[in-house]
Amino acid sequence: QVQLVESGGGLVQPGGSLRLSCAASGLTVDYHYIGWFRQAPGKEGEGVSCTRGSDGDTYWLDSVKGRFSISRDNAKNTVDLQMNSLKPEDTAVYFCTVRNYWGQGTQVTVSS
């Protein structure tokens, strides 16, 4: 059974950083594309990133380029989303997704 569990969300001031982690079980992230998706209240959801598991090549949403990065831990079967220089407009629930599986989401709030 595939399970994705996100962690690491929270409240941070503008300009701050957070690191989200997606722990996968039931599949090996190296063999798949791993996406991060966010949903803000009253807004359409948007894909933040999509990483090819085999080599780490990543597509980025334009608004997060240069601020967010991806790291993978093959031994732990996790994919982390490092978010720097956070802005209020990054506030959302963040989900990781692999194939058609989704985690439960983790809340990120950027506010002073």
N, C-alpha and C. Protein backbone atom coordinates (compact mmCIF):
# COMPACT_ATOMS: atom_id res chain seq x y z
N GLN A 1 0.84 -1.18 0.00
CA GLN A 1 0.00 0.00 0.00
C GLN A 1 0.88 1.24 0.00
N VAL A 2 0.59 2.13 -0.93
CA VAL A 2 1.38 3.35 -1.06
C VAL A 2 0.89 4.39 -0.05
N GLN A 3 1.84 5.03 0.59
CA GLN A 3 1.51 6.10 1.52
C GLN A 3 2.54 7.21 1.40
N LEU A 4 2.05 8.44 1.38
CA LEU A 4 2.91 9.61 1.36
C LEU A 4 2.56 10.45 2.58
N VAL A 5 3.58 10.85 3.31
CA VAL A 5 3.35 11.64 4.52
C VAL A 5 4.22 12.88 4.48
N GLU A 6 3.56 14.04 4.49
CA GLU A 6 4.30 15.30 4.50
C GLU A 6 4.50 15.77 5.93
N SER A 7 5.57 16.50 6.13
CA SER A 7 5.83 17.11 7.43
C SER A 7 6.65 18.36 7.22
N GLY A 8 6.74 19.18 8.25
CA GLY A 8 7.61 20.33 8.21
C GLY A 8 6.94 21.67 8.01
N GLY A 9 5.64 21.68 7.85
CA GLY A 9 4.96 22.95 7.69
C GLY A 9 4.94 23.75 8.98
N GLY A 10 4.45 24.99 8.88
CA GLY A 10 4.36 25.83 10.06
C GLY A 10 4.17 27.27 9.69
N LEU A 11 4.37 28.11 10.70
CA LEU A 11 4.25 29.55 10.54
C LEU A 11 5.64 30.16 10.47
N VAL A 12 5.85 31.00 9.49
CA VAL A 12 7.15 31.64 9.33
C VAL A 12 6.95 33.07 8.87
N GLN A 13 7.87 33.95 9.23
CA GLN A 13 7.78 35.33 8.80
C GLN A 13 8.24 35.47 7.35
N PRO A 14 7.78 36.49 6.68
CA PRO A 14 8.27 36.73 5.32
C PRO A 14 9.79 36.81 5.30
N GLY A 15 10.36 36.18 4.30
CA GLY A 15 11.82 36.11 4.20
C GLY A 15 12.42 34.90 4.87
N GLY A 16 11.62 34.19 5.63
CA GLY A 16 12.11 33.03 6.34
C GLY A 16 12.15 31.77 5.48
N SER A 17 12.49 30.66 6.12
CA SER A 17 12.64 29.40 5.42
C SER A 17 11.89 28.29 6.14
N LEU A 18 11.48 27.33 5.36
CA LEU A 18 10.91 26.09 5.88
C LEU A 18 11.38 24.95 5.00
N ARG A 19 11.43 23.78 5.59
CA ARG A 19 11.78 22.59 4.84
C ARG A 19 10.67 21.57 5.02
N LEU A 20 10.05 21.22 3.92
CA LEU A 20 9.00 20.20 3.94
C LEU A 20 9.60 18.86 3.53
N SER A 21 9.09 17.82 4.14
CA SER A 21 9.57 16.49 3.80
C SER A 21 8.40 15.61 3.39
N CYS A 22 8.61 14.79 2.39
CA CYS A 22 7.62 13.83 1.94
C CYS A 22 8.23 12.45 2.09
N ALA A 23 7.68 11.67 3.00
CA ALA A 23 8.17 10.31 3.23
C ALA A 23 7.25 9.34 2.51
N ALA A 24 7.85 8.53 1.66
CA ALA A 24 7.07 7.59 0.86
C ALA A 24 7.26 6.16 1.34
N SER A 25 6.19 5.40 1.31
CA SER A 25 6.27 3.97 1.58
C SER A 25 5.41 3.26 0.55
N GLY A 26 5.79 2.05 0.21
CA GLY A 26 5.05 1.29 -0.78
C GLY A 26 5.52 1.53 -2.20
N LEU A 27 6.43 2.47 -2.38
CA LEU A 27 7.06 2.68 -3.68
C LEU A 27 8.40 3.35 -3.43
N THR A 28 9.25 3.28 -4.45
CA THR A 28 10.58 3.87 -4.34
C THR A 28 10.60 5.15 -5.16
N VAL A 29 10.90 6.26 -4.51
CA VAL A 29 10.79 7.55 -5.19
C VAL A 29 11.74 7.66 -6.37
N ASP A 30 12.84 6.93 -6.32
CA ASP A 30 13.82 6.98 -7.41
C ASP A 30 13.19 6.57 -8.75
N TYR A 31 12.14 5.80 -8.72
CA TYR A 31 11.59 5.24 -9.94
C TYR A 31 10.42 6.06 -10.50
N HIS A 32 10.14 7.18 -9.84
CA HIS A 32 8.94 7.92 -10.23
C HIS A 32 9.19 9.41 -10.32
N TYR A 33 8.22 10.10 -10.87
CA TYR A 33 8.17 11.55 -10.79
C TYR A 33 7.48 11.92 -9.48
N ILE A 34 8.08 12.88 -8.78
CA ILE A 34 7.53 13.31 -7.49
C ILE A 34 7.15 14.78 -7.60
N GLY A 35 5.91 15.08 -7.27
CA GLY A 35 5.45 16.45 -7.38
C GLY A 35 5.11 17.06 -6.04
N TRP A 36 5.28 18.37 -5.97
CA TRP A 36 4.76 19.15 -4.86
C TRP A 36 3.70 20.08 -5.43
N PHE A 37 2.61 20.16 -4.75
CA PHE A 37 1.43 20.89 -5.20
C PHE A 37 0.95 21.71 -4.02
N ARG A 38 0.40 22.89 -4.28
CA ARG A 38 -0.11 23.68 -3.17
C ARG A 38 -1.50 24.20 -3.47
N GLN A 39 -2.25 24.37 -2.40
CA GLN A 39 -3.63 24.84 -2.50
C GLN A 39 -3.83 25.94 -1.47
N ALA A 40 -4.07 27.15 -1.94
CA ALA A 40 -4.34 28.27 -1.05
C ALA A 40 -5.84 28.54 -1.00
N PRO A 41 -6.36 29.03 0.11
CA PRO A 41 -7.80 29.29 0.22
C PRO A 41 -8.26 30.27 -0.85
N GLY A 42 -9.32 29.92 -1.52
CA GLY A 42 -9.89 30.81 -2.52
C GLY A 42 -9.14 30.89 -3.82
N LYS A 43 -8.11 30.10 -3.97
CA LYS A 43 -7.31 30.13 -5.20
C LYS A 43 -7.27 28.74 -5.81
N GLU A 44 -6.97 28.74 -7.09
CA GLU A 44 -6.78 27.45 -7.75
C GLU A 44 -5.47 26.82 -7.25
N GLY A 45 -5.47 25.50 -7.17
CA GLY A 45 -4.25 24.82 -6.80
C GLY A 45 -3.21 24.94 -7.91
N GLU A 46 -1.96 24.82 -7.54
CA GLU A 46 -0.91 24.92 -8.56
C GLU A 46 0.23 23.96 -8.25
N GLY A 47 0.80 23.47 -9.31
CA GLY A 47 1.96 22.60 -9.18
C GLY A 47 3.20 23.43 -8.88
N VAL A 48 3.88 23.12 -7.82
CA VAL A 48 5.08 23.85 -7.41
C VAL A 48 6.32 23.27 -8.08
N SER A 49 6.42 21.96 -8.10
CA SER A 49 7.60 21.32 -8.68
C SER A 49 7.24 19.91 -9.12
N CYS A 50 8.07 19.39 -10.01
CA CYS A 50 7.95 18.01 -10.42
C CYS A 50 9.37 17.50 -10.65
N THR A 51 9.75 16.48 -9.92
CA THR A 51 11.12 15.97 -9.95
C THR A 51 11.15 14.56 -10.52
N ARG A 52 12.03 14.37 -11.47
CA ARG A 52 12.23 13.03 -12.02
C ARG A 52 13.11 12.26 -11.05
N GLY A 53 12.59 11.18 -10.54
CA GLY A 53 13.28 10.46 -9.48
C GLY A 53 14.63 9.92 -9.90
N SER A 54 14.78 9.56 -11.15
CA SER A 54 16.01 8.89 -11.60
C SER A 54 17.22 9.81 -11.56
N ASP A 55 17.01 11.10 -11.84
CA ASP A 55 18.17 12.00 -11.89
C ASP A 55 17.95 13.32 -11.18
N GLY A 56 16.78 13.53 -10.62
CA GLY A 56 16.54 14.76 -9.87
C GLY A 56 16.21 15.97 -10.72
N ASP A 57 16.12 15.80 -12.02
CA ASP A 57 15.75 16.92 -12.88
C ASP A 57 14.38 17.42 -12.45
N THR A 58 14.26 18.74 -12.27
CA THR A 58 13.05 19.31 -11.66
C THR A 58 12.48 20.45 -12.48
N TYR A 59 11.20 20.39 -12.67
CA TYR A 59 10.44 21.53 -13.21
C TYR A 59 10.01 22.39 -12.03
N TRP A 60 10.08 23.71 -12.21
CA TRP A 60 9.67 24.62 -11.14
C TRP A 60 8.59 25.59 -11.61
N LEU A 61 7.66 25.86 -10.74
CA LEU A 61 6.73 26.95 -10.95
C LEU A 61 7.53 28.25 -10.99
N ASP A 62 7.23 29.11 -11.94
CA ASP A 62 8.02 30.33 -12.13
C ASP A 62 8.17 31.14 -10.84
N SER A 63 7.11 31.25 -10.09
CA SER A 63 7.13 32.13 -8.93
C SER A 63 8.01 31.62 -7.78
N VAL A 64 8.47 30.37 -7.86
CA VAL A 64 9.33 29.85 -6.78
C VAL A 64 10.75 29.57 -7.25
N LYS A 65 11.01 29.77 -8.53
CA LYS A 65 12.36 29.52 -9.06
C LYS A 65 13.38 30.36 -8.33
N GLY A 66 14.48 29.72 -7.96
CA GLY A 66 15.54 30.41 -7.27
C GLY A 66 15.34 30.51 -5.77
N ARG A 67 14.13 30.21 -5.31
CA ARG A 67 13.86 30.27 -3.86
C ARG A 67 13.66 28.87 -3.26
N PHE A 68 13.13 27.98 -4.04
CA PHE A 68 12.85 26.62 -3.58
C PHE A 68 13.85 25.65 -4.21
N SER A 69 14.11 24.56 -3.51
CA SER A 69 14.97 23.52 -4.06
C SER A 69 14.51 22.17 -3.54
N ILE A 70 14.97 21.13 -4.23
CA ILE A 70 14.58 19.76 -3.92
C ILE A 70 15.81 18.97 -3.49
N SER A 71 15.64 18.14 -2.50
CA SER A 71 16.69 17.18 -2.19
C SER A 71 16.04 15.82 -1.92
N ARG A 72 16.74 14.79 -2.26
CA ARG A 72 16.24 13.43 -2.08
C ARG A 72 17.17 12.64 -1.18
N ASP A 73 16.58 11.79 -0.37
CA ASP A 73 17.36 10.86 0.45
C ASP A 73 16.91 9.46 0.07
N ASN A 74 17.71 8.82 -0.73
CA ASN A 74 17.33 7.50 -1.23
C ASN A 74 17.20 6.49 -0.11
N ALA A 75 18.07 6.60 0.87
CA ALA A 75 18.04 5.63 1.97
C ALA A 75 16.75 5.75 2.77
N LYS A 76 16.27 6.99 2.94
CA LYS A 76 15.04 7.20 3.70
C LYS A 76 13.80 7.20 2.81
N ASN A 77 14.03 7.21 1.49
CA ASN A 77 12.92 7.27 0.54
C ASN A 77 12.08 8.53 0.76
N THR A 78 12.77 9.64 0.90
CA THR A 78 12.10 10.92 1.12
C THR A 78 12.51 11.93 0.06
N VAL A 79 11.63 12.89 -0.14
CA VAL A 79 11.89 14.03 -1.02
C VAL A 79 11.57 15.28 -0.23
N ASP A 80 12.54 16.15 -0.08
CA ASP A 80 12.36 17.36 0.70
C ASP A 80 12.24 18.58 -0.20
N LEU A 81 11.40 19.49 0.23
CA LEU A 81 11.24 20.76 -0.47
C LEU A 81 11.77 21.86 0.45
N GLN A 82 12.91 22.42 0.08
CA GLN A 82 13.50 23.51 0.85
C GLN A 82 12.95 24.82 0.29
N MET A 83 12.35 25.60 1.17
CA MET A 83 11.72 26.85 0.74
C MET A 83 12.39 28.01 1.45
N ASN A 84 13.02 28.86 0.68
CA ASN A 84 13.71 30.03 1.22
C ASN A 84 13.04 31.31 0.74
N SER A 85 13.37 32.40 1.39
CA SER A 85 12.83 33.72 1.01
C SER A 85 11.32 33.65 0.84
N LEU A 86 10.68 33.08 1.81
CA LEU A 86 9.23 32.86 1.70
C LEU A 86 8.47 34.17 1.68
N LYS A 87 7.37 34.16 0.94
CA LYS A 87 6.51 35.33 0.78
C LYS A 87 5.10 34.98 1.26
N PRO A 88 4.34 35.98 1.64
CA PRO A 88 2.95 35.69 2.05
C PRO A 88 2.16 34.91 1.00
N GLU A 89 2.45 35.15 -0.26
CA GLU A 89 1.72 34.44 -1.31
C GLU A 89 2.10 32.97 -1.42
N ASP A 90 3.10 32.53 -0.66
CA ASP A 90 3.44 31.11 -0.61
C ASP A 90 2.56 30.36 0.40
N THR A 91 1.76 31.11 1.14
CA THR A 91 0.86 30.48 2.11
C THR A 91 -0.11 29.54 1.42
N ALA A 92 -0.14 28.30 1.87
CA ALA A 92 -0.98 27.28 1.25
C ALA A 92 -0.81 25.97 2.01
N VAL A 93 -1.66 25.03 1.68
CA VAL A 93 -1.42 23.65 2.10
C VAL A 93 -0.60 23.00 0.99
N TYR A 94 0.49 22.37 1.37
CA TYR A 94 1.40 21.76 0.42
C TYR A 94 1.25 20.25 0.48
N PHE A 95 1.15 19.67 -0.71
CA PHE A 95 0.97 18.23 -0.84
C PHE A 95 2.11 17.66 -1.69
N CYS A 96 2.54 16.47 -1.36
CA CYS A 96 3.39 15.76 -2.31
C CYS A 96 2.55 14.70 -3.00
N THR A 97 2.94 14.40 -4.21
CA THR A 97 2.17 13.46 -5.01
C THR A 97 3.11 12.63 -5.86
N VAL A 98 2.81 11.36 -5.95
CA VAL A 98 3.54 10.42 -6.79
C VAL A 98 2.50 9.54 -7.49
N ARG A 99 2.61 9.50 -8.81
CA ARG A 99 1.58 8.83 -9.63
C ARG A 99 0.24 9.43 -9.25
N ASN A 100 -0.72 8.67 -8.83
CA ASN A 100 -2.00 9.25 -8.44
C ASN A 100 -2.21 9.18 -6.93
N TYR A 101 -1.11 9.12 -6.20
CA TYR A 101 -1.19 9.08 -4.75
C TYR A 101 -0.84 10.46 -4.18
N TRP A 102 -1.53 10.83 -3.13
CA TRP A 102 -1.35 12.13 -2.50
C TRP A 102 -1.17 11.97 -1.00
N GLY A 103 -0.34 12.85 -0.44
CA GLY A 103 -0.25 12.90 1.00
C GLY A 103 -1.41 13.69 1.58
N GLN A 104 -1.39 13.85 2.88
CA GLN A 104 -2.49 14.53 3.55
C GLN A 104 -2.32 16.04 3.54
N GLY A 105 -1.14 16.49 3.21
CA GLY A 105 -0.86 17.92 3.14
C GLY A 105 -0.31 18.47 4.44
N THR A 106 0.43 19.57 4.30
CA THR A 106 0.98 20.26 5.47
C THR A 106 0.82 21.76 5.25
N GLN A 107 0.38 22.45 6.28
CA GLN A 107 0.09 23.87 6.16
C GLN A 107 1.35 24.71 6.27
N VAL A 108 1.50 25.61 5.32
CA VAL A 108 2.57 26.62 5.37
C VAL A 108 1.91 27.99 5.43
N THR A 109 2.25 28.74 6.45
CA THR A 109 1.71 30.09 6.60
C THR A 109 2.86 31.07 6.71
N VAL A 110 2.87 32.03 5.81
CA VAL A 110 3.91 33.06 5.80
C VAL A 110 3.26 34.38 6.18
N SER A 111 3.58 34.85 7.37
CA SER A 111 2.92 36.04 7.88
C SER A 111 3.77 36.69 8.95
N SER A 112 3.69 38.01 9.02
CA SER A 112 4.39 38.73 10.08
C SER A 112 3.45 38.93 11.27
